Amino acid sequence: MPLSDAIPALLVLADGTTYRGWSFGAAKTTIGEVVFNTGMTGYQEVLTDPSYCGQIVVFTYPELGNTGVNLEDEESIRPQIRGAIARNICHNPSNWRSTQSLPSYLKQHQIPGIYGIDTRALTRKIRIFGAMNGGISTDILDEADLLEKVQAAPSMKGLNLVPEVTTSSTYKWTDPTNPVWEFKEQDNSVKPGETFTVVALDFGVKRNILRRLASYGCQIIVVPADTTAEEILKYNPDGIFLSNGPGDPSAVAEGIVETTKNLIVSQKPMFGICLGHQIIAHALGAETFKLKFGHRGLNQPAGLQRRIEITSQNHSFAINPDSLPTSVLEISHLNLNDQTVAGVRHKSLPVFSVQYHPEASPGPHDADYLFEEFIQEMRAARKE
């Protein structure tokens, strides 16, 4: 698109820093927490990941939209971000799966974006001063006016966003990973004819998590976040999964934490990812804190005792290690960049969780074995 046809756009951060660029996507005003993602691929999965609800994402890769968008790579029914920030935008994608350009896709879903700004400088600012609220606008081009709206917006700390992304009704999921995209041959963790019933608490679940569970023989019942433990146990599940999701884990409804406590007491195998991991920690007495700028990318190293895996991560909060109830929980993984807690495991019950995305999409598949471990826990529980 020639710049003569581009619509001017303004980005203002809560500290008053401003950037002027050009609009792509919807022409409107949006406000959210400005964070950055360092992945070189997978922008469509990022856009549609419910964990990004309430956030404006800076993409550090210098050009966005080269491969367009397609239906297969969506992690939910629509884009979940508040806005997108890029250096350059591709308006004419080239990919055999592409059905639409990124700008037209965001415009269709009323998501604004700004491009033509120095994303390296913006990313460095966030790293130095921390994630903060910001606003993108095409109709408020006065810096002071937009700053006033940004500063009036609530902080991500203390924000419960689960009600915005959870399912409104229970549904079943049986679709596995598309065999065309399957990255490995199944091993003995999946036995012919063997199935497991898993109830997944939806705090903003990614579709690829459900696909990976289904690929390992799980028949999944996805339930709203406010479903009680009594209702969940009526399904007589072999295991319980707590999904990823957005917002501050300490701000989720007390009922969700109470439900998790009761499910842990039931001694059903339980697996949590990201927000689910943090909720398990809260249910067992631990606390979480907000990271300065979070972890969002595809190459975060995690591990413990000489075992390292490269992981896909997306979170703003982490478990406070000093608050861990060491009588019942042990650390299974650390983020090896900053030593924050990246995984925990119950010492006597089949309960474990991680602060990263073993399903990838996008990202490496080093941690896919965690789904196998969940299967093994459920198989062992059947024998007891």
Protein backbone atom coordinates (compact mmCIF):
# COMPACT_ATOMS: atom_id res chain seq x y z
CA MET A 1 0.00 0.00 0.00
CA PRO A 2 1.46 3.40 -0.93
CA LEU A 3 1.89 5.68 2.07
CA SER A 4 -0.23 8.26 0.29
CA ASP A 5 -3.20 5.93 0.90
CA ALA A 6 -2.23 4.97 4.48
CA ILE A 7 -4.17 6.26 7.48
CA PRO A 8 -2.06 7.98 10.18
CA ALA A 9 -2.05 6.29 13.58
CA LEU A 10 -0.77 7.26 17.02
CA LEU A 11 0.64 5.05 19.79
CA VAL A 12 0.90 6.54 23.29
CA LEU A 13 2.32 4.73 26.32
CA ALA A 14 1.21 5.39 29.90
CA ASP A 15 4.46 7.24 30.65
CA GLY A 16 3.75 9.72 27.85
CA THR A 17 6.07 8.24 25.22
CA THR A 18 4.58 8.58 21.75
CA TYR A 19 5.13 6.94 18.37
CA ARG A 20 3.53 7.97 15.09
CA GLY A 21 2.98 5.51 12.29
CA TRP A 22 0.35 4.15 9.96
CA SER A 23 -2.80 2.16 10.55
CA PHE A 24 -3.41 -1.43 9.50
CA GLY A 25 -6.47 -3.42 10.45
CA ALA A 26 -9.42 -1.52 11.91
CA ALA A 27 -9.36 2.28 12.08
CA LYS A 28 -10.35 2.95 15.70
CA THR A 29 -9.00 3.46 19.23
CA THR A 30 -7.87 0.65 21.49
CA ILE A 31 -6.20 0.52 24.91
CA GLY A 32 -4.38 -2.37 26.56
CA GLU A 33 -1.15 -3.53 28.17
CA VAL A 34 1.73 -3.21 25.67
CA VAL A 35 3.92 -6.34 25.61
CA PHE A 36 6.37 -7.80 23.09
CA ASN A 37 6.69 -11.21 21.46
CA THR A 38 10.07 -12.28 20.06
CA GLY A 39 8.86 -15.15 17.87
CA MET A 40 9.95 -15.13 14.23
CA THR A 41 6.89 -17.15 13.17
CA GLY A 42 3.38 -17.91 14.36
CA TYR A 43 1.82 -14.46 14.41
CA GLN A 44 -1.66 -15.82 13.69
CA GLU A 45 -1.48 -18.19 16.67
CA VAL A 46 -0.39 -15.25 18.82
CA LEU A 47 -3.24 -13.06 17.57
CA THR A 48 -5.84 -15.72 18.40
CA ASP A 49 -4.39 -17.00 21.70
CA PRO A 50 -6.89 -16.07 24.48
CA SER A 51 -3.97 -15.56 26.87
CA TYR A 52 -3.31 -12.26 25.04
CA CYS A 53 -6.75 -10.88 25.88
CA GLY A 54 -6.36 -7.30 27.14
CA GLN A 55 -2.94 -6.82 25.55
CA ILE A 56 -1.43 -4.91 22.62
CA VAL A 57 1.38 -7.01 21.13
CA VAL A 58 4.62 -5.65 19.71
CA PHE A 59 6.01 -8.12 17.16
CA THR A 60 9.79 -7.85 17.19
CA TYR A 61 10.24 -9.68 13.86
CA PRO A 62 10.63 -6.82 11.37
CA GLU A 63 7.88 -7.76 8.89
CA LEU A 64 4.44 -9.11 9.68
CA GLY A 65 1.89 -10.76 7.41
CA ASN A 66 4.13 -12.44 4.81
CA THR A 67 2.18 -15.71 4.92
CA GLY A 68 -1.28 -14.19 5.36
CA VAL A 69 -3.83 -15.98 7.53
CA ASN A 70 -5.76 -19.26 7.29
CA LEU A 71 -8.39 -21.12 9.26
CA GLU A 72 -6.11 -23.95 10.42
CA ASP A 73 -3.77 -21.78 12.46
CA GLU A 74 -6.42 -20.07 14.60
CA GLU A 75 -6.15 -20.91 18.31
CA SER A 76 -9.68 -19.66 19.04
CA ILE A 77 -12.70 -18.35 17.17
CA ARG A 78 -11.28 -14.85 16.63
CA PRO A 79 -8.30 -12.59 17.37
CA GLN A 80 -8.01 -12.01 21.12
CA ILE A 81 -5.45 -9.19 21.26
CA ARG A 82 -6.50 -5.56 21.73
CA GLY A 83 -4.07 -4.34 19.06
CA ALA A 84 -0.90 -5.10 17.09
CA ILE A 85 2.34 -3.16 16.58
CA ALA A 86 4.75 -3.89 13.74
CA ARG A 87 7.71 -2.40 11.88
CA ASN A 88 6.53 -3.35 8.39
CA ILE A 89 3.33 -4.95 7.10
CA CYS A 90 2.88 -7.23 4.10
CA HIS A 91 -0.35 -6.50 2.24
CA ASN A 92 0.18 -9.18 -0.45
CA PRO A 93 0.96 -12.49 1.29
CA SER A 94 2.47 -15.51 -0.45
CA ASN A 95 1.60 -18.92 0.99
CA TRP A 96 -0.37 -21.86 -0.42
CA ARG A 97 -2.59 -21.99 2.69
CA SER A 98 -3.30 -18.27 2.82
CA THR A 99 -6.93 -17.25 2.45
CA GLN A 100 -6.65 -13.60 3.49
CA SER A 101 -4.13 -10.87 4.20
CA LEU A 102 -3.32 -9.96 7.80
CA PRO A 103 -4.57 -6.34 7.49
CA SER A 104 -7.93 -7.45 6.06
CA TYR A 105 -8.24 -10.17 8.73
CA LEU A 106 -7.72 -7.69 11.56
CA LYS A 107 -10.06 -5.20 9.91
CA GLN A 108 -12.73 -7.89 9.63
CA HIS A 109 -12.46 -8.54 13.38
CA GLN A 110 -12.19 -4.85 14.33
CA ILE A 111 -8.65 -5.13 15.72
CA PRO A 112 -6.46 -2.04 15.12
CA GLY A 113 -2.76 -2.02 14.45
CA ILE A 114 0.04 0.45 13.88
CA TYR A 115 3.13 -0.01 11.72
CA GLY A 116 6.07 2.06 10.56
CA ILE A 117 7.47 2.66 14.04
CA ASP A 118 10.81 1.64 15.59
CA THR A 119 9.80 -1.61 17.28
CA ARG A 120 13.37 -2.21 18.49
CA ALA A 121 13.31 1.04 20.47
CA LEU A 122 9.85 0.24 21.82
CA THR A 123 10.91 -3.27 22.88
CA ARG A 124 14.01 -1.90 24.64
CA LYS A 125 11.82 0.58 26.49
CA ILE A 126 9.52 -2.17 27.74
CA ARG A 127 12.50 -4.25 28.85
CA ILE A 128 13.94 -1.31 30.79
CA PHE A 129 10.77 0.18 32.28
CA GLY A 130 8.42 -2.81 32.19
CA ALA A 131 5.16 -3.56 30.42
CA MET A 132 2.68 -0.71 30.68
CA ASN A 133 -0.65 0.35 29.27
CA GLY A 134 -0.79 2.03 25.91
CA GLY A 135 -3.24 3.13 23.29
CA ILE A 136 -3.41 2.97 19.49
CA SER A 137 -5.71 5.38 17.70
CA THR A 138 -6.57 6.66 14.25
CA ASP A 139 -9.24 9.08 15.47
CA ILE A 140 -7.46 10.57 18.52
CA LEU A 141 -4.24 12.02 17.12
CA ASP A 142 -3.68 14.50 19.93
CA GLU A 143 -1.08 12.99 22.24
CA ALA A 144 -2.47 14.52 25.44
CA ASP A 145 -6.03 13.35 24.72
CA LEU A 146 -4.98 9.76 24.06
CA LEU A 147 -2.64 9.75 27.07
CA GLU A 148 -5.53 10.73 29.32
CA LYS A 149 -7.53 7.69 28.18
CA VAL A 150 -4.54 5.38 28.55
CA GLN A 151 -3.82 6.53 32.09
CA ALA A 152 -7.46 6.02 33.06
CA ALA A 153 -7.41 2.35 31.98
CA PRO A 154 -7.05 -0.38 34.62
CA SER A 155 -3.69 -2.10 35.14
CA MET A 156 -3.26 -5.76 34.22
CA LYS A 157 -2.28 -6.39 37.83
CA GLY A 158 -5.49 -7.24 39.65
CA LEU A 159 -7.46 -7.83 36.44
CA ASN A 160 -9.64 -10.94 36.06
CA LEU A 161 -10.07 -11.55 32.32
CA VAL A 162 -11.16 -15.19 32.43
CA PRO A 163 -14.88 -14.32 32.08
CA GLU A 164 -14.08 -12.65 28.73
CA VAL A 165 -12.58 -15.77 27.15
CA THR A 166 -14.08 -18.87 28.79
CA THR A 167 -16.69 -20.90 26.96
CA SER A 168 -20.31 -20.08 27.75
CA SER A 169 -21.39 -23.73 27.55
CA THR A 170 -19.94 -27.22 27.85
CA TYR A 171 -18.79 -28.95 24.66
CA LYS A 172 -16.85 -32.04 23.60
CA TRP A 173 -13.58 -32.03 21.66
CA THR A 174 -12.31 -35.09 19.80
CA ASP A 175 -10.27 -33.67 16.88
CA PRO A 176 -6.59 -34.66 17.10
CA THR A 177 -3.64 -32.89 15.51
CA ASN A 178 -4.08 -33.01 11.74
CA PRO A 179 -2.02 -36.04 10.57
CA VAL A 180 -0.50 -33.84 7.86
CA TRP A 181 1.02 -31.63 10.58
CA GLU A 182 1.86 -34.41 13.08
CA PHE A 183 5.53 -33.99 13.94
CA LYS A 184 6.27 -37.48 15.29
CA GLU A 185 5.08 -41.05 15.27
CA GLN A 186 3.00 -42.01 18.27
CA ASP A 187 4.72 -44.40 20.64
CA ASN A 188 3.57 -46.79 23.33
CA SER A 189 1.93 -43.95 25.26
CA VAL A 190 -1.13 -44.45 23.00
CA LYS A 191 -2.50 -47.99 22.92
CA PRO A 192 -5.02 -49.09 20.27
CA GLY A 193 -8.58 -48.59 21.49
CA GLU A 194 -7.48 -46.96 24.75
CA THR A 195 -9.26 -43.70 25.57
CA PHE A 196 -9.30 -41.37 28.55
CA THR A 197 -12.02 -38.96 29.57
CA VAL A 198 -10.52 -35.56 30.43
CA VAL A 199 -12.47 -32.58 31.73
CA ALA A 200 -10.77 -29.36 30.66
CA LEU A 201 -11.49 -26.21 32.66
CA ASP A 202 -11.50 -23.45 30.07
CA PHE A 203 -9.75 -20.29 31.27
CA GLY A 204 -8.96 -19.38 27.65
CA VAL A 205 -7.82 -22.70 26.20
CA LYS A 206 -5.87 -22.90 22.95
CA ARG A 207 -7.22 -25.29 20.34
CA ASN A 208 -3.84 -26.92 19.86
CA ILE A 209 -3.78 -28.02 23.50
CA LEU A 210 -7.06 -29.83 22.91
CA ARG A 211 -5.68 -31.34 19.70
CA ARG A 212 -2.59 -32.67 21.48
CA LEU A 213 -4.72 -34.22 24.23
CA ALA A 214 -6.95 -35.83 21.60
CA SER A 215 -3.87 -37.13 19.74
CA TYR A 216 -2.94 -39.01 22.90
CA GLY A 217 -6.30 -40.75 23.11
CA CYS A 218 -8.26 -38.28 25.24
CA GLN A 219 -11.95 -37.60 24.83
CA ILE A 220 -12.25 -34.08 26.14
CA ILE A 221 -15.17 -32.35 27.83
CA VAL A 222 -14.52 -28.60 27.89
CA VAL A 223 -16.40 -26.80 30.67
CA PRO A 224 -16.80 -23.12 31.63
CA ALA A 225 -14.36 -21.71 34.17
CA ASP A 226 -17.02 -21.42 36.89
CA THR A 227 -18.00 -25.11 36.76
CA THR A 228 -17.95 -26.61 40.26
CA ALA A 229 -15.90 -29.59 41.35
CA GLU A 230 -19.10 -31.53 41.99
CA GLU A 231 -20.26 -30.96 38.41
CA ILE A 232 -16.87 -31.93 37.01
CA LEU A 233 -16.63 -35.15 39.02
CA LYS A 234 -20.06 -36.24 37.78
CA TYR A 235 -18.38 -36.93 34.44
CA ASN A 236 -16.17 -39.47 36.25
CA PRO A 237 -13.10 -38.20 34.39
CA ASP A 238 -9.83 -40.07 34.20
CA GLY A 239 -8.05 -36.74 34.44
CA ILE A 240 -8.56 -32.99 34.80
CA PHE A 241 -6.86 -30.32 32.74
CA LEU A 242 -6.55 -26.63 33.73
CA SER A 243 -5.96 -24.43 30.72
CA ASN A 244 -3.99 -21.32 29.91
CA GLY A 245 -5.69 -17.94 30.07
CA PRO A 246 -5.26 -14.18 30.51
CA GLY A 247 -5.05 -11.77 33.40
CA ASP A 248 -3.80 -11.83 36.96
CA PRO A 249 -4.01 -15.32 38.54
CA SER A 250 -4.48 -13.80 41.99
CA ALA A 251 -7.61 -12.01 40.72
CA VAL A 252 -9.52 -15.03 39.40
CA ALA A 253 -12.78 -15.78 41.13
CA GLU A 254 -12.44 -17.43 44.54
CA GLY A 255 -14.76 -20.14 43.30
CA ILE A 256 -12.21 -21.27 40.71
CA VAL A 257 -9.50 -21.68 43.34
CA GLU A 258 -11.92 -23.47 45.65
CA THR A 259 -12.95 -25.79 42.81
CA THR A 260 -9.30 -26.59 42.15
CA LYS A 261 -8.72 -27.37 45.83
CA ASN A 262 -11.62 -29.82 45.79
CA LEU A 263 -10.42 -31.43 42.57
CA ILE A 264 -6.95 -31.93 44.02
CA VAL A 265 -8.52 -33.63 47.06
CA SER A 266 -10.35 -36.01 44.68
CA GLN A 267 -6.87 -37.36 43.73
CA LYS A 268 -7.71 -37.37 40.04
CA PRO A 269 -4.65 -36.85 37.83
CA MET A 270 -4.38 -33.12 37.07
CA PHE A 271 -2.32 -31.21 34.51
CA GLY A 272 -2.12 -27.41 34.29
CA ILE A 273 -0.61 -25.06 31.72
CA CYS A 274 0.20 -21.36 32.36
CA LEU A 275 -2.82 -19.83 34.13
CA GLY A 276 -3.86 -23.37 35.07
CA HIS A 277 -0.38 -23.86 36.56
CA GLN A 278 -0.73 -20.67 38.59
CA ILE A 279 -4.21 -21.57 39.81
CA ILE A 280 -2.98 -24.96 41.03
CA ALA A 281 -0.25 -23.13 42.93
CA HIS A 282 -2.78 -20.75 44.51
CA ALA A 283 -5.02 -23.66 45.46
CA LEU A 284 -2.12 -25.24 47.36
CA GLY A 285 -1.20 -22.03 49.18
CA ALA A 286 1.43 -20.41 46.96
CA GLU A 287 1.41 -16.83 45.66
CA THR A 288 2.14 -15.23 42.29
CA PHE A 289 3.73 -11.94 41.28
CA LYS A 290 3.85 -9.81 38.14
CA LEU A 291 6.97 -10.03 36.02
CA LYS A 292 8.58 -6.83 34.77
CA PHE A 293 7.93 -7.54 31.10
CA GLY A 294 6.98 -11.21 31.05
CA HIS A 295 8.10 -14.06 28.81
CA ARG A 296 6.70 -14.17 25.27
CA GLY A 297 8.57 -16.05 22.61
CA LEU A 298 9.47 -19.43 21.15
CA ASN A 299 12.96 -20.06 22.51
CA GLN A 300 12.75 -19.85 26.31
CA PRO A 301 15.00 -22.49 27.95
CA ALA A 302 13.43 -24.40 30.84
CA GLY A 303 14.68 -27.30 32.87
CA LEU A 304 16.25 -28.63 36.03
CA GLN A 305 19.19 -30.89 36.91
CA ARG A 306 20.88 -30.82 33.49
CA ARG A 307 17.69 -31.51 31.52
CA ILE A 308 16.89 -28.57 29.24
CA GLU A 309 14.05 -28.04 26.81
CA ILE A 310 13.41 -25.05 24.55
CA THR A 311 9.87 -23.85 25.13
CA SER A 312 7.16 -21.53 23.88
CA GLN A 313 6.12 -19.10 26.62
CA ASN A 314 3.50 -16.40 27.06
CA HIS A 315 2.83 -15.04 30.53
CA SER A 316 3.03 -11.91 32.67
CA PHE A 317 2.95 -13.58 36.10
CA ALA A 318 4.99 -16.26 37.88
CA ILE A 319 4.88 -18.24 41.11
CA ASN A 320 6.78 -16.73 44.02
CA PRO A 321 9.24 -19.52 44.95
CA ASP A 322 9.43 -18.32 48.54
CA SER A 323 5.70 -18.93 48.92
CA LEU A 324 5.75 -22.56 47.72
CA PRO A 325 4.39 -25.03 50.27
CA THR A 326 7.44 -27.29 50.10
CA SER A 327 5.72 -30.01 52.13
CA VAL A 328 3.45 -30.75 49.14
CA LEU A 329 4.96 -29.05 46.07
CA GLU A 330 8.38 -29.29 44.45
CA ILE A 331 9.84 -27.30 41.57
CA SER A 332 10.15 -29.44 38.43
CA HIS A 333 11.34 -26.74 35.99
CA LEU A 334 12.95 -23.32 36.10
CA ASN A 335 13.10 -20.69 33.38
CA LEU A 336 16.83 -20.76 32.76
CA ASN A 337 16.97 -17.13 31.63
CA ASP A 338 15.85 -15.64 34.95
CA GLN A 339 15.39 -18.66 37.29
CA THR A 340 11.64 -18.08 37.74
CA VAL A 341 9.49 -21.12 38.49
CA ALA A 342 8.48 -22.84 35.24
CA GLY A 343 6.98 -26.05 36.58
CA VAL A 344 5.79 -27.70 39.79
CA ARG A 345 4.78 -31.19 40.82
CA HIS A 346 2.84 -32.48 43.83
CA LYS A 347 4.96 -34.72 46.04
CA SER A 348 2.31 -37.36 46.70
CA LEU A 349 -0.57 -36.79 44.26
CA PRO A 350 -0.68 -37.04 40.42
CA VAL A 351 -0.77 -33.25 40.00
CA PHE A 352 1.72 -31.31 37.90
CA SER A 353 1.85 -28.10 35.88
CA VAL A 354 4.11 -25.91 33.76
CA GLN A 355 4.46 -22.19 33.06
CA TYR A 356 4.95 -22.72 29.33
CA HIS A 357 3.26 -24.27 26.30
CA PRO A 358 4.19 -27.91 25.57
CA GLU A 359 1.66 -27.91 22.70
CA ALA A 360 3.78 -25.23 20.96
CA SER A 361 1.75 -23.71 18.10
CA PRO A 362 3.89 -21.80 17.54
CA GLY A 363 7.16 -23.10 18.91
CA PRO A 364 9.35 -26.17 19.46
CA HIS A 365 8.01 -29.56 20.50
CA ASP A 366 10.62 -30.39 23.16
CA ALA A 367 8.00 -30.52 25.92
CA ASP A 368 5.36 -32.64 24.18
CA TYR A 369 6.35 -35.49 26.50
CA LEU A 370 4.28 -33.80 29.22
CA PHE A 371 1.13 -34.98 27.48
CA GLU A 372 2.55 -38.51 27.61
CA GLU A 373 3.16 -38.09 31.34
CA PHE A 374 -0.47 -37.05 31.82
CA ILE A 375 -1.56 -40.22 29.99
CA GLN A 376 0.71 -42.34 32.16
CA GLU A 377 -0.72 -40.77 35.33
CA MET A 378 -4.27 -41.51 34.18
CA ARG A 379 -3.37 -45.07 33.21
CA ALA A 380 -1.74 -45.66 36.61
CA ALA A 381 -4.77 -44.22 38.43
CA ARG A 382 -7.04 -46.70 36.62
CA LYS A 383 -5.01 -49.60 38.00
CA GLU A 384 -5.27 -48.48 41.61
